[in-house]
Amino acid sequence: MDGFTISNSNRFLESGNLNLNKASQAETARVSSPSAVPGDKSFADTLKSAISEVNQMQQISNKKIQELSVGKTDNVADVMITAEKADIAMRVMVQVRNKVIDAYNEIMRMQL
């Protein structure tokens, strides 16, 4: 990979099955801009949806870890896979955040 960009992260998120359902995408597009084409999302909407997906993955991971610790499940492999997926998604979100902050700082340093 020659750099972590937003388009690269979108491809990564899509390949990791972090897609939203179509109804919420259409609703988000309708609310964000009345003239927007359904499915056309702003950058802020994309970030919000990605953050909510990562949060959901973290919650599922925490639930499975708790179930394993109290003995409700004995599928250690499933718990570990879920925890690793949540960890990777969180790391990607942190890298996206860092890139957005770097881009903002670069824009602020530009002279007009």
C-alpha atoms as a PDB file:
ATOM      1  CA  MET A   1       0.000   0.000   0.000  1.00  0.00           C
ATOM      2  CA  ASP A   2       1.560   3.335  -0.984  1.00  0.00           C
ATOM      3  CA  GLY A   3      -0.190   5.293   1.745  1.00  0.00           C
ATOM      4  CA  PHE A   4      -3.325   5.084   3.784  1.00  0.00           C
ATOM      5  CA  THR A   5      -5.940   7.235   2.100  1.00  0.00           C
ATOM      6  CA  ILE A   6      -9.669   7.585   2.560  1.00  0.00           C
ATOM      7  CA  SER A   7     -10.319   5.619  -0.622  1.00  0.00           C
ATOM      8  CA  ASN A   8      -8.011   2.842   0.597  1.00  0.00           C
ATOM      9  CA  SER A   9      -9.797   2.770   3.943  1.00  0.00           C
ATOM     10  CA  ASN A  10     -13.189   2.620   2.228  1.00  0.00           C
ATOM     11  CA  ARG A  11     -12.045  -0.393   0.222  1.00  0.00           C
ATOM     12  CA  PHE A  12     -10.713  -1.973   3.415  1.00  0.00           C
ATOM     13  CA  LEU A  13     -13.943  -1.328   5.296  1.00  0.00           C
ATOM     14  CA  GLU A  14     -16.043  -2.683   2.435  1.00  0.00           C
ATOM     15  CA  SER A  15     -13.902  -5.818   2.203  1.00  0.00           C
ATOM     16  CA  GLY A  16     -14.376  -6.332   5.961  1.00  0.00           C
ATOM     17  CA  ASN A  17     -18.174  -6.485   5.618  1.00  0.00           C
ATOM     18  CA  LEU A  18     -18.694  -3.195   7.443  1.00  0.00           C
ATOM     19  CA  ASN A  19     -21.438  -2.081   5.086  1.00  0.00           C
ATOM     20  CA  LEU A  20     -24.588  -0.373   6.262  1.00  0.00           C
ATOM     21  CA  ASN A  21     -27.996  -1.538   5.229  1.00  0.00           C
ATOM     22  CA  LYS A  22     -29.570   0.254   2.273  1.00  0.00           C
ATOM     23  CA  ALA A  23     -32.402   1.833   4.259  1.00  0.00           C
ATOM     24  CA  SER A  24     -30.077   3.665   6.638  1.00  0.00           C
ATOM     25  CA  GLN A  25     -27.898   4.838   3.719  1.00  0.00           C
ATOM     26  CA  ALA A  26     -30.897   6.289   1.914  1.00  0.00           C
ATOM     27  CA  GLU A  27     -32.158   7.950   5.105  1.00  0.00           C
ATOM     28  CA  THR A  28     -28.729   9.447   5.828  1.00  0.00           C
ATOM     29  CA  ALA A  29     -28.460  10.809   2.295  1.00  0.00           C
ATOM     30  CA  ARG A  30     -31.964  12.267   2.445  1.00  0.00           C
ATOM     31  CA  VAL A  31     -31.345  14.003   5.773  1.00  0.00           C
ATOM     32  CA  SER A  32     -27.890  15.348   4.916  1.00  0.00           C
ATOM     33  CA  SER A  33     -28.861  17.008   1.646  1.00  0.00           C
ATOM     34  CA  PRO A  34     -32.344  17.353   0.168  1.00  0.00           C
ATOM     35  CA  SER A  35     -30.985  17.368  -3.398  1.00  0.00           C
ATOM     36  CA  ALA A  36     -28.616  14.436  -2.874  1.00  0.00           C
ATOM     37  CA  VAL A  37     -28.974  11.304  -4.937  1.00  0.00           C
ATOM     38  CA  PRO A  38     -29.958   8.309  -2.755  1.00  0.00           C
ATOM     39  CA  GLY A  39     -26.807   6.486  -1.720  1.00  0.00           C
ATOM     40  CA  ASP A  40     -24.655   9.610  -2.177  1.00  0.00           C
ATOM     41  CA  LYS A  41     -23.144  10.284   1.256  1.00  0.00           C
ATOM     42  CA  SER A  42     -20.991  13.108   2.520  1.00  0.00           C
ATOM     43  CA  PHE A  43     -17.595  12.512   4.098  1.00  0.00           C
ATOM     44  CA  ALA A  44     -18.995  13.290   7.555  1.00  0.00           C
ATOM     45  CA  ASP A  45     -21.814  10.766   7.082  1.00  0.00           C
ATOM     46  CA  THR A  46     -19.303   8.141   5.962  1.00  0.00           C
ATOM     47  CA  LEU A  47     -17.178   8.736   9.057  1.00  0.00           C
ATOM     48  CA  LYS A  48     -20.187   8.641  11.364  1.00  0.00           C
ATOM     49  CA  SER A  49     -21.393   5.360   9.916  1.00  0.00           C
ATOM     50  CA  ALA A  50     -17.909   3.837  10.077  1.00  0.00           C
ATOM     51  CA  ILE A  51     -17.551   4.903  13.717  1.00  0.00           C
ATOM     52  CA  SER A  52     -20.910   3.374  14.581  1.00  0.00           C
ATOM     53  CA  GLU A  53     -19.921   0.117  12.856  1.00  0.00           C
ATOM     54  CA  VAL A  54     -16.643  -0.021  14.797  1.00  0.00           C
ATOM     55  CA  ASN A  55     -18.535   0.691  18.010  1.00  0.00           C
ATOM     56  CA  GLN A  56     -20.960  -2.128  17.243  1.00  0.00           C
ATOM     57  CA  MET A  57     -18.059  -4.512  16.578  1.00  0.00           C
ATOM     58  CA  GLN A  58     -16.483  -3.531  19.914  1.00  0.00           C
ATOM     59  CA  GLN A  59     -19.751  -4.139  21.755  1.00  0.00           C
ATOM     60  CA  ILE A  60     -20.217  -7.561  20.154  1.00  0.00           C
ATOM     61  CA  SER A  61     -16.626  -8.449  21.014  1.00  0.00           C
ATOM     62  CA  ASN A  62     -17.089  -7.365  24.623  1.00  0.00           C
ATOM     63  CA  LYS A  63     -20.293  -9.402  24.885  1.00  0.00           C
ATOM     64  CA  LYS A  64     -18.618 -12.544  23.530  1.00  0.00           C
ATOM     65  CA  ILE A  65     -15.643 -12.092  25.873  1.00  0.00           C
ATOM     66  CA  GLN A  66     -18.016 -11.728  28.803  1.00  0.00           C
ATOM     67  CA  GLU A  67     -19.943 -14.848  27.757  1.00  0.00           C
ATOM     68  CA  LEU A  68     -16.679 -16.782  27.548  1.00  0.00           C
ATOM     69  CA  SER A  69     -15.538 -15.580  30.961  1.00  0.00           C
ATOM     70  CA  VAL A  70     -18.779 -16.623  32.709  1.00  0.00           C
ATOM     71  CA  GLY A  71     -18.934 -19.961  30.910  1.00  0.00           C
ATOM     72  CA  LYS A  72     -21.918 -19.394  28.621  1.00  0.00           C
ATOM     73  CA  THR A  73     -19.821 -20.379  25.605  1.00  0.00           C
ATOM     74  CA  ASP A  74     -16.754 -22.507  25.035  1.00  0.00           C
ATOM     75  CA  ASN A  75     -15.970 -21.408  21.472  1.00  0.00           C
ATOM     76  CA  VAL A  76     -12.644 -19.685  22.114  1.00  0.00           C
ATOM     77  CA  ALA A  77     -11.810 -19.415  18.413  1.00  0.00           C
ATOM     78  CA  ASP A  78     -14.971 -17.439  17.644  1.00  0.00           C
ATOM     79  CA  VAL A  79     -14.322 -15.095  20.560  1.00  0.00           C
ATOM     80  CA  MET A  80     -10.731 -14.496  19.460  1.00  0.00           C
ATOM     81  CA  ILE A  81     -11.704 -13.883  15.843  1.00  0.00           C
ATOM     82  CA  THR A  82     -14.389 -11.400  16.885  1.00  0.00           C
ATOM     83  CA  ALA A  83     -11.954  -9.619  19.211  1.00  0.00           C
ATOM     84  CA  GLU A  84      -9.287  -9.391  16.504  1.00  0.00           C
ATOM     85  CA  LYS A  85     -11.768  -8.037  13.945  1.00  0.00           C
ATOM     86  CA  ALA A  86     -12.845  -5.370  16.424  1.00  0.00           C
ATOM     87  CA  ASP A  87      -9.205  -4.529  17.185  1.00  0.00           C
ATOM     88  CA  ILE A  88      -8.295  -4.202  13.506  1.00  0.00           C
ATOM     89  CA  ALA A  89     -11.341  -2.028  12.823  1.00  0.00           C
ATOM     90  CA  MET A  90     -10.390   0.234  15.738  1.00  0.00           C
ATOM     91  CA  ARG A  91      -6.813   0.531  14.477  1.00  0.00           C
ATOM     92  CA  VAL A  92      -8.075   1.489  11.024  1.00  0.00           C
ATOM     93  CA  MET A  93     -10.336   4.154  12.529  1.00  0.00           C
ATOM     94  CA  VAL A  94      -7.420   5.578  14.526  1.00  0.00           C
ATOM     95  CA  GLN A  95      -5.312   5.754  11.368  1.00  0.00           C
ATOM     96  CA  VAL A  96      -8.128   7.478   9.475  1.00  0.00           C
ATOM     97  CA  ARG A  97      -8.465   9.964  12.327  1.00  0.00           C
ATOM     98  CA  ASN A  98      -4.720  10.628  12.251  1.00  0.00           C
ATOM     99  CA  LYS A  99      -4.788  11.221   8.497  1.00  0.00           C
ATOM    100  CA  VAL A 100      -7.745  13.591   8.787  1.00  0.00           C
ATOM    101  CA  ILE A 101      -5.969  15.561  11.526  1.00  0.00           C
ATOM    102  CA  ASP A 102      -2.761  15.675   9.455  1.00  0.00           C
ATOM    103  CA  ALA A 103      -4.711  16.937   6.433  1.00  0.00           C
ATOM    104  CA  TYR A 104      -6.435  19.591   8.559  1.00  0.00           C
ATOM    105  CA  ASN A 105      -3.110  20.761  10.002  1.00  0.00           C
ATOM    106  CA  GLU A 106      -1.593  20.926   6.516  1.00  0.00           C
ATOM    107  CA  ILE A 107      -4.486  23.047   5.271  1.00  0.00           C
ATOM    108  CA  MET A 108      -4.134  25.351   8.273  1.00  0.00           C
ATOM    109  CA  ARG A 109      -0.424  25.861   7.473  1.00  0.00           C
ATOM    110  CA  MET A 110      -1.186  26.948   3.902  1.00  0.00           C
ATOM    111  CA  GLN A 111      -0.614  30.591   3.180  1.00  0.00           C
ATOM    112  CA  LEU A 112      -3.214  32.480   1.235  1.00  0.00           C
END
